[in-house]
């Protein structure tokens, strides 16, 4: 999940702190999602996708893409 959040955050030009402020998701939760300590719930991912300006399906697409 680190790749998912990190790539989308960088694409949006946001720091972790800015993403936290925009989404209402705590900085610690974002860090835990990125490290894999927490997988999050639907509400959390919806908040993040809105704050990043992408659809939930687009945000999570890399998780579902087949690995080669």
PDB file of N, CA and C in Angstrom:
ATOM      1  N   UNK A   1       0.814  -1.194   0.000  1.00  0.00           N
ATOM      2  CA  UNK A   1       0.000   0.000   0.000  1.00  0.00           C
ATOM      3  C   UNK A   1       0.862   1.263   0.000  1.00  0.00           C
ATOM      4  N   UNK A   2       2.100   1.109   0.456  1.00  0.00           N
ATOM      5  CA  UNK A   2       2.993   2.268   0.475  1.00  0.00           C
ATOM      6  C   UNK A   2       3.128   2.859  -0.919  1.00  0.00           C
ATOM      7  N   UNK A   3       3.286   2.000  -1.894  1.00  0.00           N
ATOM      8  CA  UNK A   3       3.440   2.461  -3.268  1.00  0.00           C
ATOM      9  C   UNK A   3       2.186   3.206  -3.723  1.00  0.00           C
ATOM     10  N   UNK A   4       1.026   2.672  -3.375  1.00  0.00           N
ATOM     11  CA  UNK A   4      -0.241   3.281  -3.784  1.00  0.00           C
ATOM     12  C   UNK A   4      -0.347   4.693  -3.237  1.00  0.00           C
ATOM     13  N   UNK A   5      -0.171   4.847  -1.948  1.00  0.00           N
ATOM     14  CA  UNK A   5      -0.304   6.163  -1.329  1.00  0.00           C
ATOM     15  C   UNK A   5       0.815   7.086  -1.766  1.00  0.00           C
ATOM     16  N   UNK A   6       2.027   6.583  -1.738  1.00  0.00           N
ATOM     17  CA  UNK A   6       3.182   7.407  -2.091  1.00  0.00           C
ATOM     18  C   UNK A   6       3.107   7.964  -3.505  1.00  0.00           C
ATOM     19  N   UNK A   7       2.798   7.114  -4.464  1.00  0.00           N
ATOM     20  CA  UNK A   7       2.714   7.578  -5.859  1.00  0.00           C
ATOM     21  C   UNK A   7       1.617   8.608  -6.042  1.00  0.00           C
ATOM     22  N   UNK A   8       0.453   8.321  -5.489  1.00  0.00           N
ATOM     23  CA  UNK A   8      -0.678   9.243  -5.646  1.00  0.00           C
ATOM     24  C   UNK A   8      -0.395  10.567  -4.943  1.00  0.00           C
ATOM     25  N   UNK A   9       0.235  10.511  -3.786  1.00  0.00           N
ATOM     26  CA  UNK A   9       0.547  11.729  -3.044  1.00  0.00           C
ATOM     27  C   UNK A   9       1.556  12.586  -3.802  1.00  0.00           C
ATOM     28  N   UNK A  10       2.582  11.945  -4.346  1.00  0.00           N
ATOM     29  CA  UNK A  10       3.592  12.675  -5.117  1.00  0.00           C
ATOM     30  C   UNK A  10       2.967  13.276  -6.379  1.00  0.00           C
ATOM     31  N   UNK A  11       2.140  12.486  -7.069  1.00  0.00           N
ATOM     32  CA  UNK A  11       1.451  12.991  -8.266  1.00  0.00           C
ATOM     33  C   UNK A  11       0.601  14.220  -7.949  1.00  0.00           C
ATOM     34  N   UNK A  12      -0.004  14.223  -6.769  1.00  0.00           N
ATOM     35  CA  UNK A  12      -0.853  15.344  -6.364  1.00  0.00           C
ATOM     36  C   UNK A  12      -0.030  16.508  -5.822  1.00  0.00           C
ATOM     37  N   UNK A  13       1.269  16.287  -5.636  1.00  0.00           N
ATOM     38  CA  UNK A  13       2.141  17.346  -5.135  1.00  0.00           C
ATOM     39  C   UNK A  13       1.904  17.680  -3.668  1.00  0.00           C
ATOM     40  N   UNK A  14       1.551  16.665  -2.880  1.00  0.00           N
ATOM     41  CA  UNK A  14       1.235  16.876  -1.469  1.00  0.00           C
ATOM     42  C   UNK A  14       2.252  16.216  -0.554  1.00  0.00           C
ATOM     43  N   UNK A  15       2.488  16.845   0.583  1.00  0.00           N
ATOM     44  CA  UNK A  15       3.263  16.203   1.636  1.00  0.00           C
ATOM     45  C   UNK A  15       2.299  15.326   2.440  1.00  0.00           C
ATOM     46  N   UNK A  16       2.845  14.501   3.297  1.00  0.00           N
ATOM     47  CA  UNK A  16       1.989  13.681   4.155  1.00  0.00           C
ATOM     48  C   UNK A  16       1.120  14.579   5.032  1.00  0.00           C
ATOM     49  N   UNK A  17       1.699  15.644   5.532  1.00  0.00           N
ATOM     50  CA  UNK A  17       0.950  16.569   6.381  1.00  0.00           C
ATOM     51  C   UNK A  17      -0.198  17.214   5.606  1.00  0.00           C
ATOM     52  N   UNK A  18       0.053  17.630   4.376  1.00  0.00           N
ATOM     53  CA  UNK A  18      -0.998  18.239   3.562  1.00  0.00           C
ATOM     54  C   UNK A  18      -2.106  17.240   3.247  1.00  0.00           C
ATOM     55  N   UNK A  19      -1.722  16.005   2.935  1.00  0.00           N
ATOM     56  CA  UNK A  19      -2.713  14.970   2.668  1.00  0.00           C
ATOM     57  C   UNK A  19      -3.557  14.716   3.906  1.00  0.00           C
ATOM     58  N   UNK A  20      -2.929  14.705   5.049  1.00  0.00           N
ATOM     59  CA  UNK A  20      -3.642  14.513   6.306  1.00  0.00           C
ATOM     60  C   UNK A  20      -4.661  15.629   6.526  1.00  0.00           C
ATOM     61  N   UNK A  21      -4.231  16.860   6.320  1.00  0.00           N
ATOM     62  CA  UNK A  21      -5.129  18.008   6.500  1.00  0.00           C
ATOM     63  C   UNK A  21      -6.299  17.959   5.524  1.00  0.00           C
ATOM     64  N   UNK A  22      -6.022  17.690   4.271  1.00  0.00           N
ATOM     65  CA  UNK A  22      -7.079  17.667   3.247  1.00  0.00           C
ATOM     66  C   UNK A  22      -8.061  16.519   3.434  1.00  0.00           C
ATOM     67  N   UNK A  23      -7.559  15.385   3.889  1.00  0.00           N
ATOM     68  CA  UNK A  23      -8.400  14.193   3.965  1.00  0.00           C
ATOM     69  C   UNK A  23      -9.093  14.019   5.313  1.00  0.00           C
ATOM     70  N   UNK A  24      -8.514  14.603   6.351  1.00  0.00           N
ATOM     71  CA  UNK A  24      -9.044  14.371   7.686  1.00  0.00           C
ATOM     72  C   UNK A  24      -8.573  13.038   8.265  1.00  0.00           C
ATOM     73  N   UNK A  25      -7.614  12.422   7.593  1.00  0.00           N
ATOM     74  CA  UNK A  25      -7.017  11.172   8.061  1.00  0.00           C
ATOM     75  C   UNK A  25      -5.713  11.544   8.769  1.00  0.00           C
ATOM     76  N   UNK A  26      -5.506  11.013   9.950  1.00  0.00           N
ATOM     77  CA  UNK A  26      -4.323  11.401  10.707  1.00  0.00           C
ATOM     78  C   UNK A  26      -3.034  11.031   9.980  1.00  0.00           C
ATOM     79  N   UNK A  27      -2.013  11.807  10.262  1.00  0.00           N
ATOM     80  CA  UNK A  27      -0.693  11.565   9.684  1.00  0.00           C
ATOM     81  C   UNK A  27      -0.227  10.154  10.039  1.00  0.00           C
ATOM     82  N   UNK A  28      -0.445   9.764  11.293  1.00  0.00           N
ATOM     83  CA  UNK A  28      -0.018   8.439  11.749  1.00  0.00           C
ATOM     84  C   UNK A  28      -0.740   7.324  10.990  1.00  0.00           C
ATOM     85  N   UNK A  29      -2.023   7.511  10.715  1.00  0.00           N
ATOM     86  CA  UNK A  29      -2.771   6.505   9.954  1.00  0.00           C
ATOM     87  C   UNK A  29      -2.206   6.390   8.546  1.00  0.00           C
ATOM     88  N   UNK A  30      -1.889   7.514   7.927  1.00  0.00           N
ATOM     89  CA  UNK A  30      -1.304   7.494   6.578  1.00  0.00           C
ATOM     90  C   UNK A  30       0.037   6.766   6.604  1.00  0.00           C
ATOM     91  N   UNK A  31       0.846   7.038   7.617  1.00  0.00           N
ATOM     92  CA  UNK A  31       2.136   6.348   7.747  1.00  0.00           C
ATOM     93  C   UNK A  31       1.929   4.850   7.977  1.00  0.00           C
ATOM     94  N   UNK A  32       0.944   4.493   8.791  1.00  0.00           N
ATOM     95  CA  UNK A  32       0.668   3.077   9.047  1.00  0.00           C
ATOM     96  C   UNK A  32       0.154   2.367   7.797  1.00  0.00           C
ATOM     97  N   UNK A  33      -0.642   3.051   7.002  1.00  0.00           N
ATOM     98  CA  UNK A  33      -1.097   2.476   5.732  1.00  0.00           C
ATOM     99  C   UNK A  33       0.098   2.235   4.818  1.00  0.00           C
ATOM    100  N   UNK A  34       0.985   3.204   4.761  1.00  0.00           N
ATOM    101  CA  UNK A  34       2.152   3.106   3.904  1.00  0.00           C
ATOM    102  C   UNK A  34       3.115   2.010   4.309  1.00  0.00           C
ATOM    103  N   UNK A  35       3.180   1.743   5.603  1.00  0.00           N
ATOM    104  CA  UNK A  35       4.110   0.714   6.079  1.00  0.00           C
ATOM    105  C   UNK A  35       3.486  -0.671   6.118  1.00  0.00           C
ATOM    106  N   UNK A  36       2.180  -0.743   5.913  1.00  0.00           N
ATOM    107  CA  UNK A  36       1.502  -2.030   5.945  1.00  0.00           C
ATOM    108  C   UNK A  36       1.040  -2.451   7.329  1.00  0.00           C
ATOM    109  N   UNK A  37       1.227  -1.586   8.332  1.00  0.00           N
ATOM    110  CA  UNK A  37       0.781  -1.909   9.687  1.00  0.00           C
ATOM    111  C   UNK A  37      -0.739  -1.876   9.796  1.00  0.00           C
ATOM    112  N   UNK A  38      -1.359  -1.150   8.883  1.00  0.00           N
ATOM    113  CA  UNK A  38      -2.812  -0.967   8.890  1.00  0.00           C
ATOM    114  C   UNK A  38      -3.275  -0.991   7.449  1.00  0.00           C
ATOM    115  N   UNK A  39      -4.354  -1.685   7.189  1.00  0.00           N
ATOM    116  CA  UNK A  39      -4.859  -1.762   5.816  1.00  0.00           C
ATOM    117  C   UNK A  39      -5.964  -0.761   5.541  1.00  0.00           C
ATOM    118  N   UNK A  40      -6.532  -0.204   6.573  1.00  0.00           N
ATOM    119  CA  UNK A  40      -7.553   0.815   6.399  1.00  0.00           C
ATOM    120  C   UNK A  40      -8.926   0.237   6.115  1.00  0.00           C
ATOM    121  N   UNK A  41      -9.901   1.080   6.257  1.00  0.00           N
ATOM    122  CA  UNK A  41     -11.264   0.690   5.935  1.00  0.00           C
ATOM    123  C   UNK A  41     -11.736   1.529   4.755  1.00  0.00           C
ATOM    124  N   UNK A  42     -12.900   1.226   4.272  1.00  0.00           N
ATOM    125  CA  UNK A  42     -13.423   1.909   3.093  1.00  0.00           C
ATOM    126  C   UNK A  42     -13.533   3.411   3.305  1.00  0.00           C
ATOM    127  N   UNK A  43     -13.982   3.811   4.472  1.00  0.00           N
ATOM    128  CA  UNK A  43     -14.142   5.239   4.772  1.00  0.00           C
ATOM    129  C   UNK A  43     -12.800   5.973   4.665  1.00  0.00           C
ATOM    130  N   UNK A  44     -11.759   5.364   5.203  1.00  0.00           N
ATOM    131  CA  UNK A  44     -10.418   5.969   5.150  1.00  0.00           C
ATOM    132  C   UNK A  44      -9.944   6.114   3.709  1.00  0.00           C
ATOM    133  N   UNK A  45     -10.098   5.057   2.915  1.00  0.00           N
ATOM    134  CA  UNK A  45      -9.645   5.097   1.522  1.00  0.00           C
ATOM    135  C   UNK A  45     -10.462   6.091   0.696  1.00  0.00           C
ATOM    136  N   UNK A  46     -11.746   6.221   0.993  1.00  0.00           N
ATOM    137  CA  UNK A  46     -12.569   7.216   0.290  1.00  0.00           C
ATOM    138  C   UNK A  46     -12.101   8.632   0.610  1.00  0.00           C
ATOM    139  N   UNK A  47     -11.795   8.892   1.870  1.00  0.00           N
ATOM    140  CA  UNK A  47     -11.290  10.215   2.253  1.00  0.00           C
ATOM    141  C   UNK A  47      -9.983  10.524   1.531  1.00  0.00           C
ATOM    142  N   UNK A  48      -9.100   9.534   1.486  1.00  0.00           N
ATOM    143  CA  UNK A  48      -7.814   9.736   0.818  1.00  0.00           C
ATOM    144  C   UNK A  48      -7.986   9.947  -0.681  1.00  0.00           C
ATOM    145  N   UNK A  49      -8.847   9.173  -1.309  1.00  0.00           N
ATOM    146  CA  UNK A  49      -9.032   9.322  -2.755  1.00  0.00           C
ATOM    147  C   UNK A  49      -9.596  10.696  -3.092  1.00  0.00           C
ATOM    148  N   UNK A  50     -10.531  11.171  -2.294  1.00  0.00           N
ATOM    149  CA  UNK A  50     -11.093  12.512  -2.533  1.00  0.00           C
ATOM    150  C   UNK A  50     -10.033  13.587  -2.358  1.00  0.00           C
ATOM    151  N   UNK A  51      -9.243  13.469  -1.300  1.00  0.00           N
ATOM    152  CA  UNK A  51      -8.193  14.458  -1.036  1.00  0.00           C
ATOM    153  C   UNK A  51      -7.131  14.458  -2.126  1.00  0.00           C
ATOM    154  N   UNK A  52      -6.904  13.302  -2.736  1.00  0.00           N
ATOM    155  CA  UNK A  52      -5.906  13.185  -3.802  1.00  0.00           C
ATOM    156  C   UNK A  52      -6.479  13.526  -5.170  1.00  0.00           C
ATOM    157  N   UNK A  53      -7.802  13.666  -5.244  1.00  0.00           N
ATOM    158  CA  UNK A  53      -8.431  14.028  -6.514  1.00  0.00           C
ATOM    159  C   UNK A  53      -8.492  12.891  -7.512  1.00  0.00           C
ATOM    160  N   UNK A  54      -8.550  11.663  -7.010  1.00  0.00           N
ATOM    161  CA  UNK A  54      -8.662  10.490  -7.883  1.00  0.00           C
ATOM    162  C   UNK A  54      -9.786   9.601  -7.374  1.00  0.00           C
ATOM    163  N   UNK A  55     -10.332   8.812  -8.271  1.00  0.00           N
ATOM    164  CA  UNK A  55     -11.353   7.862  -7.867  1.00  0.00           C
ATOM    165  C   UNK A  55     -10.746   6.731  -7.061  1.00  0.00           C
ATOM    166  N   UNK A  56     -11.563   6.128  -6.246  1.00  0.00           N
ATOM    167  CA  UNK A  56     -11.094   5.021  -5.423  1.00  0.00           C
ATOM    168  C   UNK A  56     -10.555   3.880  -6.278  1.00  0.00           C
ATOM    169  N   UNK A  57     -11.228   3.609  -7.382  1.00  0.00           N
ATOM    170  CA  UNK A  57     -10.764   2.532  -8.267  1.00  0.00           C
ATOM    171  C   UNK A  57      -9.396   2.847  -8.853  1.00  0.00           C
ATOM    172  N   UNK A  58      -9.183   4.099  -9.224  1.00  0.00           N
ATOM    173  CA  UNK A  58      -7.881   4.505  -9.775  1.00  0.00           C
ATOM    174  C   UNK A  58      -6.790   4.449  -8.702  1.00  0.00           C
ATOM    175  N   UNK A  59      -7.126   4.892  -7.500  1.00  0.00           N
ATOM    176  CA  UNK A  59      -6.153   4.898  -6.411  1.00  0.00           C
ATOM    177  C   UNK A  59      -5.687   3.485  -6.076  1.00  0.00           C
ATOM    178  N   UNK A  60      -6.620   2.548  -6.048  1.00  0.00           N
ATOM    179  CA  UNK A  60      -6.286   1.183  -5.635  1.00  0.00           C
ATOM    180  C   UNK A  60      -5.968   0.237  -6.785  1.00  0.00           C
ATOM    181  N   UNK A  61      -6.028   0.716  -8.008  1.00  0.00           N
ATOM    182  CA  UNK A  61      -5.760  -0.138  -9.174  1.00  0.00           C
ATOM    183  C   UNK A  61      -4.433  -0.894  -9.073  1.00  0.00           C
ATOM    184  N   UNK A  62      -3.343  -0.265  -8.627  1.00  0.00           N
ATOM    185  CA  UNK A  62      -2.075  -1.007  -8.561  1.00  0.00           C
ATOM    186  C   UNK A  62      -2.127  -2.235  -7.654  1.00  0.00           C
ATOM    187  N   UNK A  63      -3.016  -2.234  -6.688  1.00  0.00           N
ATOM    188  CA  UNK A  63      -3.136  -3.378  -5.790  1.00  0.00           C
ATOM    189  C   UNK A  63      -3.702  -4.574  -6.536  1.00  0.00           C
ATOM    190  N   UNK A  64      -4.570  -4.326  -7.497  1.00  0.00           N
ATOM    191  CA  UNK A  64      -5.271  -5.396  -8.201  1.00  0.00           C
ATOM    192  C   UNK A  64      -4.615  -5.789  -9.521  1.00  0.00           C
ATOM    193  N   UNK A  65      -3.636  -5.023  -9.976  1.00  0.00           N
ATOM    194  CA  UNK A  65      -2.967  -5.348 -11.234  1.00  0.00           C
ATOM    195  C   UNK A  65      -2.104  -6.593 -11.043  1.00  0.00           C
ATOM    196  N   UNK A  66      -2.129  -7.484 -12.025  1.00  0.00           N
ATOM    197  CA  UNK A  66      -1.322  -8.704 -11.913  1.00  0.00           C
ATOM    198  C   UNK A  66       0.168  -8.370 -11.883  1.00  0.00           C
ATOM    199  N   UNK A  67       0.886  -9.105 -11.063  1.00  0.00           N
ATOM    200  CA  UNK A  67       2.336  -8.919 -10.989  1.00  0.00           C
ATOM    201  C   UNK A  67       3.002  -9.845 -11.977  1.00  0.00           C
ATOM    202  N   UNK A  68       4.053  -9.357 -12.585  1.00  0.00           N
ATOM    203  CA  UNK A  68       4.776 -10.175 -13.573  1.00  0.00           C
ATOM    204  C   UNK A  68       6.055 -10.701 -12.989  1.00  0.00           C
TER     205      UNK A  68
END
